[in-house]
Amino acid sequence: VSSLPENIGSYDFTDYYCTNNVKGTWNEAEWKFVPSLTANTTCELRFVTKTYEIKTEFIGATNADSEYNGISSVKKGESLEFVVTLDEGYGYDSVTCSNNETATFNKETNTVLIGPFNNGSTCTVNFKVNEYDVKVEATNAAPGSASAKVEHGKNAELEISPSTNYTLDSVTCTNNQTAEWKDNKLTVSAVSDNTVCTL
């Protein structure tokens, strides 16, 4: 056979047709078609682009759980792209694919791009509850500064004791967070971003 696809790794042989009812066999290992020359003949070989089975698993994102978890059939060299709607308070964590396939996440557009594929693969995209830093700067109190890490939507509690003969004058927090000081404890409610509170 004089003419075969140049990039043989990108194609699969499907079938053939030879004139004069000539039969033949396809040798996948040698990428060769061998006709049984019982008559003069012209053979047409048919190839298709390789396709791979790609399994995707999205964990912790609203629409991804129902829309994107599953198996896709993808041609060699193609990619998969998913726009994800995140659960409130969730952010991107990681994406991993088997068989050394590559994947990236664009935080600005919440887009997962997987591929281009050269093999079948299972890709897992993980999202996690956001964690924020809550910092306190206090005047005439001990400690003068404190910090805590807290997950989205939870309260942060920090021990702040006023110096002798002092009591709380005011407390303000960034990002419109609300805070209450009681019994030498500052409680910042339902934290939704990195926050600094000043007492």
N, C-alpha and C. Protein backbone atom coordinates (compact mmCIF):
# COMPACT_ATOMS: atom_id res chain seq x y z
N VAL A 1 0.86 -1.18 0.00
CA VAL A 1 0.00 0.00 0.00
C VAL A 1 0.90 1.23 0.00
N SER A 2 0.64 2.14 -0.92
CA SER A 2 1.56 3.24 -1.12
C SER A 2 1.25 4.46 -0.27
N SER A 3 0.03 4.62 0.18
CA SER A 3 -0.34 5.85 0.88
C SER A 3 -1.12 5.53 2.15
N LEU A 4 -0.55 5.91 3.30
CA LEU A 4 -1.20 5.73 4.59
C LEU A 4 -1.14 7.05 5.35
N PRO A 5 -1.99 7.27 6.35
CA PRO A 5 -1.91 8.49 7.13
C PRO A 5 -0.51 8.67 7.71
N GLU A 6 0.01 9.89 7.63
CA GLU A 6 1.38 10.14 8.09
C GLU A 6 1.51 9.95 9.60
N ASN A 7 0.58 10.54 10.36
CA ASN A 7 0.64 10.43 11.82
C ASN A 7 -0.17 9.21 12.25
N ILE A 8 0.44 8.04 12.10
CA ILE A 8 -0.31 6.80 12.28
C ILE A 8 -0.83 6.64 13.70
N GLY A 9 -0.18 7.27 14.67
CA GLY A 9 -0.64 7.14 16.04
C GLY A 9 -1.95 7.86 16.32
N SER A 10 -2.41 8.67 15.36
CA SER A 10 -3.63 9.43 15.55
C SER A 10 -4.86 8.76 14.94
N TYR A 11 -4.66 7.61 14.30
CA TYR A 11 -5.76 6.99 13.56
C TYR A 11 -5.93 5.52 13.94
N ASP A 12 -7.17 5.05 13.69
CA ASP A 12 -7.50 3.63 13.82
C ASP A 12 -7.99 3.13 12.47
N PHE A 13 -7.52 1.94 12.09
CA PHE A 13 -8.02 1.30 10.88
C PHE A 13 -9.43 0.77 11.14
N THR A 14 -10.34 1.00 10.18
CA THR A 14 -11.71 0.52 10.38
C THR A 14 -12.06 -0.62 9.42
N ASP A 15 -11.92 -0.39 8.11
CA ASP A 15 -12.24 -1.45 7.15
C ASP A 15 -11.60 -1.11 5.80
N TYR A 16 -11.89 -1.94 4.81
CA TYR A 16 -11.30 -1.73 3.49
C TYR A 16 -12.26 -2.21 2.41
N TYR A 17 -11.96 -1.79 1.18
CA TYR A 17 -12.68 -2.31 0.02
C TYR A 17 -11.68 -2.48 -1.12
N CYS A 18 -11.66 -3.67 -1.72
CA CYS A 18 -10.78 -3.94 -2.87
C CYS A 18 -11.64 -4.35 -4.08
N THR A 19 -11.26 -3.84 -5.22
CA THR A 19 -11.97 -4.23 -6.44
C THR A 19 -11.69 -5.70 -6.77
N ASN A 20 -12.51 -6.24 -7.66
CA ASN A 20 -12.38 -7.63 -8.13
C ASN A 20 -12.52 -8.63 -6.98
N ASN A 21 -13.23 -8.20 -5.91
CA ASN A 21 -13.54 -9.09 -4.79
C ASN A 21 -12.29 -9.64 -4.10
N VAL A 22 -11.21 -8.88 -4.16
CA VAL A 22 -9.97 -9.29 -3.48
C VAL A 22 -10.10 -9.05 -1.99
N LYS A 23 -9.64 -10.02 -1.22
CA LYS A 23 -9.67 -9.91 0.24
C LYS A 23 -8.28 -9.59 0.76
N GLY A 24 -8.21 -9.20 2.01
CA GLY A 24 -6.91 -8.89 2.59
C GLY A 24 -6.99 -8.83 4.10
N THR A 25 -5.86 -8.60 4.72
CA THR A 25 -5.79 -8.51 6.18
C THR A 25 -5.01 -7.27 6.59
N TRP A 26 -5.37 -6.74 7.75
CA TRP A 26 -4.70 -5.55 8.30
C TRP A 26 -3.83 -5.96 9.47
N ASN A 27 -2.55 -5.59 9.42
CA ASN A 27 -1.61 -5.89 10.49
C ASN A 27 -1.41 -4.61 11.31
N GLU A 28 -2.04 -4.58 12.48
CA GLU A 28 -1.98 -3.37 13.31
C GLU A 28 -0.58 -3.10 13.82
N ALA A 29 0.14 -4.16 14.20
CA ALA A 29 1.47 -3.99 14.77
C ALA A 29 2.44 -3.38 13.76
N GLU A 30 2.33 -3.79 12.49
CA GLU A 30 3.24 -3.28 11.45
C GLU A 30 2.60 -2.16 10.64
N TRP A 31 1.33 -1.84 10.98
CA TRP A 31 0.62 -0.77 10.26
C TRP A 31 0.67 -1.06 8.75
N LYS A 32 0.19 -2.25 8.40
CA LYS A 32 0.33 -2.73 7.02
C LYS A 32 -0.92 -3.49 6.60
N PHE A 33 -1.35 -3.25 5.36
CA PHE A 33 -2.46 -3.99 4.77
C PHE A 33 -1.89 -4.96 3.73
N VAL A 34 -2.26 -6.24 3.83
CA VAL A 34 -1.73 -7.26 2.93
C VAL A 34 -2.89 -7.89 2.16
N PRO A 35 -3.03 -7.56 0.85
CA PRO A 35 -4.10 -8.17 0.06
C PRO A 35 -3.71 -9.56 -0.43
N SER A 36 -4.71 -10.40 -0.59
CA SER A 36 -4.48 -11.71 -1.21
C SER A 36 -4.59 -11.50 -2.73
N LEU A 37 -3.47 -11.51 -3.39
CA LEU A 37 -3.44 -11.11 -4.80
C LEU A 37 -3.95 -12.22 -5.71
N THR A 38 -5.27 -12.34 -5.73
CA THR A 38 -5.91 -13.32 -6.62
C THR A 38 -6.30 -12.68 -7.94
N ALA A 39 -6.17 -11.35 -8.02
CA ALA A 39 -6.50 -10.64 -9.26
C ALA A 39 -5.93 -9.24 -9.15
N ASN A 40 -5.81 -8.56 -10.29
CA ASN A 40 -5.43 -7.15 -10.24
C ASN A 40 -6.49 -6.40 -9.44
N THR A 41 -6.04 -5.47 -8.59
CA THR A 41 -7.01 -4.83 -7.70
C THR A 41 -6.54 -3.45 -7.27
N THR A 42 -7.48 -2.64 -6.87
CA THR A 42 -7.23 -1.38 -6.20
C THR A 42 -7.99 -1.41 -4.87
N CYS A 43 -7.27 -1.12 -3.79
CA CYS A 43 -7.88 -1.22 -2.46
C CYS A 43 -8.01 0.16 -1.83
N GLU A 44 -9.13 0.37 -1.20
CA GLU A 44 -9.36 1.59 -0.44
C GLU A 44 -9.39 1.23 1.04
N LEU A 45 -8.48 1.86 1.81
CA LEU A 45 -8.43 1.61 3.25
C LEU A 45 -9.11 2.78 3.97
N ARG A 46 -9.83 2.46 5.01
CA ARG A 46 -10.58 3.49 5.72
C ARG A 46 -10.05 3.61 7.16
N PHE A 47 -9.80 4.87 7.55
CA PHE A 47 -9.28 5.16 8.88
C PHE A 47 -10.15 6.23 9.55
N VAL A 48 -10.19 6.19 10.86
CA VAL A 48 -10.86 7.24 11.63
C VAL A 48 -9.89 7.75 12.69
N THR A 49 -10.10 9.00 13.08
CA THR A 49 -9.28 9.56 14.14
C THR A 49 -9.50 8.79 15.43
N LYS A 50 -8.41 8.50 16.13
CA LYS A 50 -8.52 7.77 17.40
C LYS A 50 -9.43 8.53 18.37
N THR A 51 -10.22 7.80 19.11
CA THR A 51 -11.03 8.39 20.17
C THR A 51 -10.70 7.72 21.49
N TYR A 52 -10.82 8.50 22.56
CA TYR A 52 -10.50 8.01 23.89
C TYR A 52 -11.70 8.21 24.81
N GLU A 53 -11.80 7.35 25.79
CA GLU A 53 -12.83 7.47 26.81
C GLU A 53 -12.26 8.28 27.97
N ILE A 54 -12.91 9.41 28.25
CA ILE A 54 -12.46 10.30 29.30
C ILE A 54 -13.52 10.36 30.40
N LYS A 55 -13.14 10.00 31.60
CA LYS A 55 -14.06 10.07 32.74
C LYS A 55 -13.74 11.31 33.57
N THR A 56 -14.75 12.11 33.85
CA THR A 56 -14.54 13.32 34.65
C THR A 56 -15.36 13.24 35.93
N GLU A 57 -14.75 13.69 37.01
CA GLU A 57 -15.39 13.73 38.32
C GLU A 57 -15.19 15.12 38.92
N PHE A 58 -16.28 15.81 39.21
CA PHE A 58 -16.21 17.14 39.82
C PHE A 58 -16.75 17.03 41.24
N ILE A 59 -16.00 17.56 42.18
CA ILE A 59 -16.37 17.44 43.59
C ILE A 59 -16.45 18.84 44.21
N GLY A 60 -17.67 19.22 44.69
CA GLY A 60 -17.83 20.48 45.41
C GLY A 60 -18.25 21.65 44.55
N ALA A 61 -18.87 21.40 43.38
CA ALA A 61 -19.35 22.50 42.54
C ALA A 61 -20.78 22.20 42.11
N THR A 62 -21.64 23.21 42.17
CA THR A 62 -23.08 23.01 42.02
C THR A 62 -23.45 22.31 40.72
N ASN A 63 -23.18 22.97 39.58
CA ASN A 63 -23.66 22.40 38.33
C ASN A 63 -22.80 21.24 37.86
N ALA A 64 -21.56 21.18 38.32
CA ALA A 64 -20.66 20.13 37.84
C ALA A 64 -21.11 18.75 38.30
N ASP A 65 -21.66 18.67 39.51
CA ASP A 65 -22.07 17.36 40.03
C ASP A 65 -23.08 16.68 39.10
N SER A 66 -24.01 17.46 38.56
CA SER A 66 -25.07 16.87 37.74
C SER A 66 -24.73 16.88 36.25
N GLU A 67 -23.99 17.89 35.79
CA GLU A 67 -23.79 18.07 34.36
C GLU A 67 -22.50 17.45 33.84
N TYR A 68 -21.46 17.41 34.64
CA TYR A 68 -20.14 17.09 34.12
C TYR A 68 -19.59 15.76 34.56
N ASN A 69 -20.12 15.19 35.64
CA ASN A 69 -19.62 13.88 36.06
C ASN A 69 -20.08 12.83 35.06
N GLY A 70 -19.13 12.10 34.51
CA GLY A 70 -19.52 11.08 33.55
C GLY A 70 -18.39 10.75 32.60
N ILE A 71 -18.74 10.14 31.48
CA ILE A 71 -17.76 9.68 30.51
C ILE A 71 -18.01 10.36 29.17
N SER A 72 -16.93 10.86 28.57
CA SER A 72 -16.99 11.51 27.27
C SER A 72 -16.11 10.77 26.29
N SER A 73 -16.50 10.81 25.03
CA SER A 73 -15.67 10.26 23.95
C SER A 73 -14.99 11.41 23.25
N VAL A 74 -13.66 11.40 23.26
CA VAL A 74 -12.89 12.54 22.75
C VAL A 74 -11.88 12.06 21.72
N LYS A 75 -11.78 12.80 20.60
CA LYS A 75 -10.80 12.46 19.58
C LYS A 75 -9.40 12.84 20.04
N LYS A 76 -8.42 12.12 19.54
CA LYS A 76 -7.03 12.41 19.87
C LYS A 76 -6.71 13.86 19.51
N GLY A 77 -6.06 14.56 20.43
CA GLY A 77 -5.68 15.94 20.19
C GLY A 77 -6.72 16.97 20.58
N GLU A 78 -7.94 16.51 20.91
CA GLU A 78 -8.98 17.44 21.33
C GLU A 78 -8.96 17.62 22.85
N SER A 79 -9.66 18.66 23.30
CA SER A 79 -9.72 18.97 24.72
C SER A 79 -11.17 19.03 25.18
N LEU A 80 -11.36 19.00 26.49
CA LEU A 80 -12.67 19.20 27.10
C LEU A 80 -12.62 20.49 27.91
N GLU A 81 -13.70 21.26 27.83
CA GLU A 81 -13.78 22.52 28.58
C GLU A 81 -15.09 22.58 29.33
N PHE A 82 -15.02 22.96 30.61
CA PHE A 82 -16.21 23.03 31.46
C PHE A 82 -16.22 24.38 32.17
N VAL A 83 -17.36 25.06 32.13
CA VAL A 83 -17.55 26.27 32.93
C VAL A 83 -18.34 25.87 34.18
N VAL A 84 -17.76 26.12 35.33
CA VAL A 84 -18.29 25.58 36.58
C VAL A 84 -18.96 26.68 37.40
N THR A 85 -20.13 26.38 37.94
CA THR A 85 -20.77 27.25 38.91
C THR A 85 -20.44 26.72 40.30
N LEU A 86 -19.70 27.50 41.06
CA LEU A 86 -19.24 27.02 42.36
C LEU A 86 -20.32 27.16 43.42
N ASP A 87 -20.36 26.20 44.34
CA ASP A 87 -21.19 26.36 45.53
C ASP A 87 -20.72 27.61 46.27
N GLU A 88 -21.65 28.27 46.97
CA GLU A 88 -21.27 29.46 47.73
C GLU A 88 -20.18 29.11 48.75
N GLY A 89 -19.14 29.93 48.75
CA GLY A 89 -18.07 29.72 49.71
C GLY A 89 -17.04 28.69 49.29
N TYR A 90 -17.17 28.15 48.07
CA TYR A 90 -16.21 27.16 47.58
C TYR A 90 -15.23 27.81 46.62
N GLY A 91 -14.03 27.27 46.57
CA GLY A 91 -13.01 27.71 45.64
C GLY A 91 -12.28 26.52 45.05
N TYR A 92 -11.50 26.77 44.03
CA TYR A 92 -10.75 25.71 43.35
C TYR A 92 -9.67 25.15 44.27
N ASP A 93 -9.51 23.84 44.22
CA ASP A 93 -8.47 23.17 45.00
C ASP A 93 -7.42 22.53 44.10
N SER A 94 -7.84 21.57 43.26
CA SER A 94 -6.86 20.86 42.42
C SER A 94 -7.56 20.12 41.30
N VAL A 95 -6.80 19.76 40.29
CA VAL A 95 -7.29 18.89 39.22
C VAL A 95 -6.18 17.92 38.85
N THR A 96 -6.50 16.64 38.81
CA THR A 96 -5.51 15.62 38.47
C THR A 96 -6.11 14.68 37.42
N CYS A 97 -5.26 14.23 36.51
CA CYS A 97 -5.68 13.30 35.45
C CYS A 97 -4.70 12.14 35.38
N SER A 98 -5.21 10.95 35.12
CA SER A 98 -4.36 9.78 34.94
C SER A 98 -3.68 9.83 33.58
N ASN A 99 -2.69 8.96 33.39
CA ASN A 99 -1.96 8.83 32.12
C ASN A 99 -1.27 10.12 31.70
N ASN A 100 -0.87 10.93 32.69
CA ASN A 100 -0.10 12.15 32.43
C ASN A 100 -0.82 13.16 31.55
N GLU A 101 -2.15 13.08 31.50
CA GLU A 101 -2.89 14.10 30.77
C GLU A 101 -2.90 15.39 31.58
N THR A 102 -3.00 16.53 30.90
CA THR A 102 -2.88 17.82 31.56
C THR A 102 -4.24 18.49 31.74
N ALA A 103 -4.34 19.33 32.76
CA ALA A 103 -5.57 20.06 33.03
C ALA A 103 -5.24 21.35 33.76
N THR A 104 -6.03 22.39 33.49
CA THR A 104 -5.83 23.68 34.14
C THR A 104 -7.18 24.25 34.55
N PHE A 105 -7.14 25.20 35.51
CA PHE A 105 -8.35 25.88 35.96
C PHE A 105 -8.12 27.38 35.89
N ASN A 106 -9.02 28.10 35.21
CA ASN A 106 -8.96 29.55 35.12
C ASN A 106 -9.87 30.14 36.19
N LYS A 107 -9.28 30.73 37.22
CA LYS A 107 -10.06 31.23 38.35
C LYS A 107 -10.92 32.43 37.97
N GLU A 108 -10.51 33.18 36.95
CA GLU A 108 -11.28 34.36 36.55
C GLU A 108 -12.59 33.97 35.87
N THR A 109 -12.57 32.89 35.11
CA THR A 109 -13.76 32.47 34.37
C THR A 109 -14.38 31.19 34.91
N ASN A 110 -13.77 30.62 35.97
CA ASN A 110 -14.23 29.33 36.52
C ASN A 110 -14.32 28.25 35.44
N THR A 111 -13.30 28.22 34.60
CA THR A 111 -13.28 27.29 33.48
C THR A 111 -12.21 26.22 33.69
N VAL A 112 -12.61 24.96 33.56
CA VAL A 112 -11.67 23.84 33.62
C VAL A 112 -11.37 23.42 32.18
N LEU A 113 -10.09 23.38 31.82
CA LEU A 113 -9.66 22.93 30.50
C LEU A 113 -8.82 21.68 30.68
N ILE A 114 -9.26 20.58 30.08
CA ILE A 114 -8.56 19.30 30.20
C ILE A 114 -8.14 18.85 28.81
N GLY A 115 -6.85 18.51 28.66
CA GLY A 115 -6.36 18.07 27.36
C GLY A 115 -5.33 19.05 26.82
N PRO A 116 -4.93 18.89 25.54
CA PRO A 116 -5.41 17.91 24.56
C PRO A 116 -5.00 16.47 24.93
N PHE A 117 -5.89 15.54 24.59
CA PHE A 117 -5.73 14.16 25.03
C PHE A 117 -4.88 13.34 24.05
N ASN A 118 -4.04 12.52 24.64
CA ASN A 118 -3.27 11.54 23.88
C ASN A 118 -3.53 10.12 24.35
N ASN A 119 -4.36 10.00 25.40
CA ASN A 119 -4.70 8.70 25.97
C ASN A 119 -6.07 8.80 26.63
N GLY A 120 -6.63 7.65 26.94
CA GLY A 120 -7.80 7.64 27.80
C GLY A 120 -7.39 8.09 29.19
N SER A 121 -8.32 8.67 29.95
CA SER A 121 -7.92 9.24 31.23
C SER A 121 -9.12 9.39 32.16
N THR A 122 -8.83 9.41 33.46
CA THR A 122 -9.81 9.80 34.47
C THR A 122 -9.31 11.07 35.13
N CYS A 123 -10.12 12.12 35.08
CA CYS A 123 -9.74 13.42 35.64
C CYS A 123 -10.66 13.78 36.80
N THR A 124 -10.07 14.18 37.90
CA THR A 124 -10.83 14.58 39.08
C THR A 124 -10.55 16.04 39.38
N VAL A 125 -11.62 16.84 39.44
CA VAL A 125 -11.51 18.27 39.73
C VAL A 125 -12.09 18.49 41.12
N ASN A 126 -11.27 19.01 42.02
CA ASN A 126 -11.69 19.19 43.41
C ASN A 126 -11.88 20.67 43.74
N PHE A 127 -12.98 20.95 44.42
CA PHE A 127 -13.22 22.27 44.97
C PHE A 127 -13.38 22.12 46.48
N LYS A 128 -13.02 23.14 47.21
CA LYS A 128 -13.06 23.04 48.67
C LYS A 128 -13.66 24.31 49.26
N VAL A 129 -14.10 24.21 50.51
CA VAL A 129 -14.62 25.37 51.22
C VAL A 129 -13.49 26.37 51.41
N ASN A 130 -13.75 27.63 51.06
CA ASN A 130 -12.73 28.67 51.24
C ASN A 130 -12.38 28.85 52.71
N GLU A 131 -11.12 29.13 52.97
CA GLU A 131 -10.65 29.40 54.32
C GLU A 131 -10.08 30.81 54.35
N TYR A 132 -10.45 31.57 55.39
CA TYR A 132 -10.06 32.99 55.45
C TYR A 132 -9.22 33.26 56.70
N ASP A 133 -8.43 34.33 56.59
CA ASP A 133 -7.66 34.82 57.72
C ASP A 133 -8.43 35.94 58.40
N VAL A 134 -8.61 35.82 59.70
CA VAL A 134 -9.23 36.88 60.50
C VAL A 134 -8.17 37.40 61.46
N LYS A 135 -7.89 38.70 61.35
CA LYS A 135 -6.86 39.30 62.21
C LYS A 135 -7.47 40.38 63.08
N VAL A 136 -6.94 40.49 64.29
CA VAL A 136 -7.42 41.51 65.24
C VAL A 136 -6.25 42.37 65.67
N GLU A 137 -6.45 43.68 65.62
CA GLU A 137 -5.48 44.64 66.13
C GLU A 137 -6.16 45.39 67.27
N ALA A 138 -5.60 45.26 68.48
CA ALA A 138 -6.24 45.84 69.66
C ALA A 138 -5.32 46.83 70.35
N THR A 139 -5.91 47.93 70.81
CA THR A 139 -5.18 48.94 71.58
C THR A 139 -5.58 48.83 73.04
N ASN A 140 -4.57 48.90 73.91
CA ASN A 140 -4.81 48.77 75.35
C ASN A 140 -5.49 47.45 75.69
N ALA A 141 -4.95 46.38 75.10
CA ALA A 141 -5.50 45.05 75.35
C ALA A 141 -4.39 44.03 75.14
N ALA A 142 -4.65 42.84 75.65
CA ALA A 142 -3.69 41.76 75.48
C ALA A 142 -4.42 40.53 74.91
N PRO A 143 -3.88 39.89 73.91
CA PRO A 143 -2.71 40.37 73.16
C PRO A 143 -3.07 41.57 72.28
N GLY A 144 -2.03 42.28 71.89
CA GLY A 144 -2.25 43.45 71.04
C GLY A 144 -2.68 43.08 69.64
N SER A 145 -2.37 41.85 69.25
CA SER A 145 -2.80 41.35 67.93
C SER A 145 -3.04 39.85 68.05
N ALA A 146 -3.95 39.37 67.24
CA ALA A 146 -4.28 37.95 67.23
C ALA A 146 -4.81 37.60 65.85
N SER A 147 -4.80 36.31 65.54
CA SER A 147 -5.31 35.89 64.23
C SER A 147 -5.89 34.49 64.33
N ALA A 148 -6.75 34.17 63.37
CA ALA A 148 -7.36 32.84 63.32
C ALA A 148 -7.73 32.54 61.87
N LYS A 149 -7.79 31.27 61.55
CA LYS A 149 -8.27 30.83 60.25
C LYS A 149 -9.65 30.21 60.44
N VAL A 150 -10.55 30.49 59.50
CA VAL A 150 -11.91 30.00 59.65
C VAL A 150 -12.49 29.72 58.27
N GLU A 151 -13.33 28.69 58.17
CA GLU A 151 -13.97 28.35 56.90
C GLU A 151 -15.13 29.30 56.61
N HIS A 152 -15.45 29.39 55.34
CA HIS A 152 -16.52 30.27 54.89
C HIS A 152 -17.81 30.01 55.67
N GLY A 153 -18.41 31.11 56.15
CA GLY A 153 -19.69 31.03 56.82
C GLY A 153 -19.63 30.72 58.30
N LYS A 154 -18.46 30.40 58.80
CA LYS A 154 -18.34 30.07 60.22
C LYS A 154 -17.87 31.29 61.01
N ASN A 155 -18.02 31.21 62.34
CA ASN A 155 -17.60 32.30 63.21
C ASN A 155 -16.13 32.14 63.62
N ALA A 156 -15.46 33.25 63.75
CA ALA A 156 -14.10 33.26 64.29
C ALA A 156 -14.15 33.80 65.71
N GLU A 157 -13.49 33.12 66.63
CA GLU A 157 -13.47 33.55 68.02
C GLU A 157 -12.03 33.76 68.47
N LEU A 158 -11.76 34.93 69.06
CA LEU A 158 -10.41 35.27 69.49
C LEU A 158 -10.47 35.86 70.90
N GLU A 159 -9.57 35.42 71.75
CA GLU A 159 -9.50 35.90 73.13
C GLU A 159 -8.77 37.25 73.15
N ILE A 160 -9.46 38.27 73.63
CA ILE A 160 -8.89 39.61 73.75
C ILE A 160 -9.27 40.17 75.12
N SER A 161 -8.28 40.44 75.95
CA SER A 161 -8.54 40.96 77.31
C SER A 161 -8.07 42.41 77.41
N PRO A 162 -8.93 43.32 77.85
CA PRO A 162 -8.52 44.73 77.97
C PRO A 162 -7.51 44.91 79.08
N SER A 163 -6.69 45.89 78.93
CA SER A 163 -5.73 46.24 79.99
C SER A 163 -6.50 46.75 81.22
N THR A 164 -5.81 46.75 82.36
CA THR A 164 -6.45 47.20 83.60
C THR A 164 -7.02 48.59 83.43
N ASN A 165 -8.23 48.78 83.95
CA ASN A 165 -8.95 50.05 83.91
C ASN A 165 -9.43 50.44 82.52
N TYR A 166 -9.40 49.49 81.55
CA TYR A 166 -9.90 49.77 80.20
C TYR A 166 -11.09 48.87 79.89
N THR A 167 -11.97 49.38 79.06
CA THR A 167 -13.08 48.59 78.53
C THR A 167 -13.21 48.89 77.05
N LEU A 168 -14.03 48.11 76.37
CA LEU A 168 -14.15 48.26 74.92
C LEU A 168 -14.77 49.60 74.56
N ASP A 169 -14.13 50.29 73.63
CA ASP A 169 -14.66 51.55 73.11
C ASP A 169 -15.44 51.29 71.82
N SER A 170 -14.80 50.58 70.87
CA SER A 170 -15.48 50.28 69.59
C SER A 170 -14.75 49.14 68.91
N VAL A 171 -15.45 48.52 67.96
CA VAL A 171 -14.83 47.49 67.14
C VAL A 171 -15.34 47.65 65.71
N THR A 172 -14.43 47.66 64.78
CA THR A 172 -14.78 47.75 63.36
C THR A 172 -14.02 46.67 62.60
N CYS A 173 -14.68 46.14 61.57
CA CYS A 173 -14.07 45.08 60.76
C CYS A 173 -14.19 45.42 59.29
N THR A 174 -13.21 45.01 58.53
CA THR A 174 -13.25 45.20 57.09
C THR A 174 -14.29 44.26 56.46
N ASN A 175 -14.60 44.51 55.20
CA ASN A 175 -15.52 43.67 54.40
C ASN A 175 -16.92 43.58 55.00
N ASN A 176 -17.28 44.64 55.76
CA ASN A 176 -18.63 44.68 56.36
C ASN A 176 -18.92 43.49 57.27
N GLN A 177 -17.88 42.89 57.81
CA GLN A 177 -18.08 41.80 58.78
C GLN A 177 -18.54 42.40 60.11
N THR A 178 -19.39 41.66 60.79
CA THR A 178 -19.86 42.11 62.10
C THR A 178 -19.14 41.34 63.19
N ALA A 179 -18.88 42.03 64.31
CA ALA A 179 -18.16 41.40 65.41
C ALA A 179 -18.73 41.87 66.74
N GLU A 180 -18.66 41.00 67.72
CA GLU A 180 -19.15 41.31 69.06
C GLU A 180 -18.09 40.90 70.08
N TRP A 181 -17.82 41.80 71.03
CA TRP A 181 -16.87 41.49 72.11
C TRP A 181 -17.65 41.27 73.40
N LYS A 182 -17.45 40.09 74.00
CA LYS A 182 -18.16 39.76 75.23
C LYS A 182 -17.33 38.77 76.02
N ASP A 183 -17.23 39.02 77.35
CA ASP A 183 -16.48 38.14 78.24
C ASP A 183 -15.07 37.87 77.71
N ASN A 184 -14.42 38.95 77.30
CA ASN A 184 -13.03 38.91 76.81
C ASN A 184 -12.86 38.04 75.56
N LYS A 185 -13.93 37.92 74.80
CA LYS A 185 -13.86 37.14 73.57
C LYS A 185 -14.49 37.94 72.42
N LEU A 186 -13.76 38.04 71.33
CA LEU A 186 -14.28 38.71 70.14
C LEU A 186 -14.79 37.64 69.18
N THR A 187 -16.07 37.74 68.79
CA THR A 187 -16.67 36.81 67.85
C THR A 187 -16.98 37.54 66.55
N VAL A 188 -16.35 37.11 65.49
CA VAL A 188 -16.62 37.66 64.16
C VAL A 188 -17.56 36.68 63.46
N SER A 189 -18.75 37.15 63.12
CA SER A 189 -19.82 36.25 62.67
C SER A 189 -19.79 36.00 61.16
N ALA A 190 -20.08 34.74 60.80
CA ALA A 190 -20.29 34.35 59.39
C ALA A 190 -19.24 34.95 58.46
N VAL A 191 -18.01 34.58 58.69
CA VAL A 191 -16.89 35.16 57.93
C VAL A 191 -17.01 34.76 56.45
N SER A 192 -16.87 35.76 55.56
CA SER A 192 -17.00 35.51 54.13
C SER A 192 -15.82 36.02 53.32
N ASP A 193 -14.78 36.53 54.02
CA ASP A 193 -13.58 37.00 53.32
C ASP A 193 -12.49 37.22 54.35
N ASN A 194 -11.26 37.43 53.85
CA ASN A 194 -10.19 37.82 54.77
C ASN A 194 -10.58 39.12 55.46
N THR A 195 -10.36 39.15 56.76
CA THR A 195 -10.92 40.27 57.55
C THR A 195 -9.92 40.76 58.59
N VAL A 196 -9.91 42.08 58.80
CA VAL A 196 -9.12 42.68 59.88
C VAL A 196 -10.08 43.48 60.76
N CYS A 197 -10.07 43.18 62.06
CA CYS A 197 -10.91 43.89 63.01
C CYS A 197 -10.03 44.72 63.93
N THR A 198 -10.48 45.92 64.22
CA THR A 198 -9.72 46.86 65.07
C THR A 198 -10.54 47.18 66.29
N LEU A 199 -9.90 47.02 67.48
CA LEU A 199 -10.57 47.33 68.75
C LEU A 199 -9.86 48.51 69.41
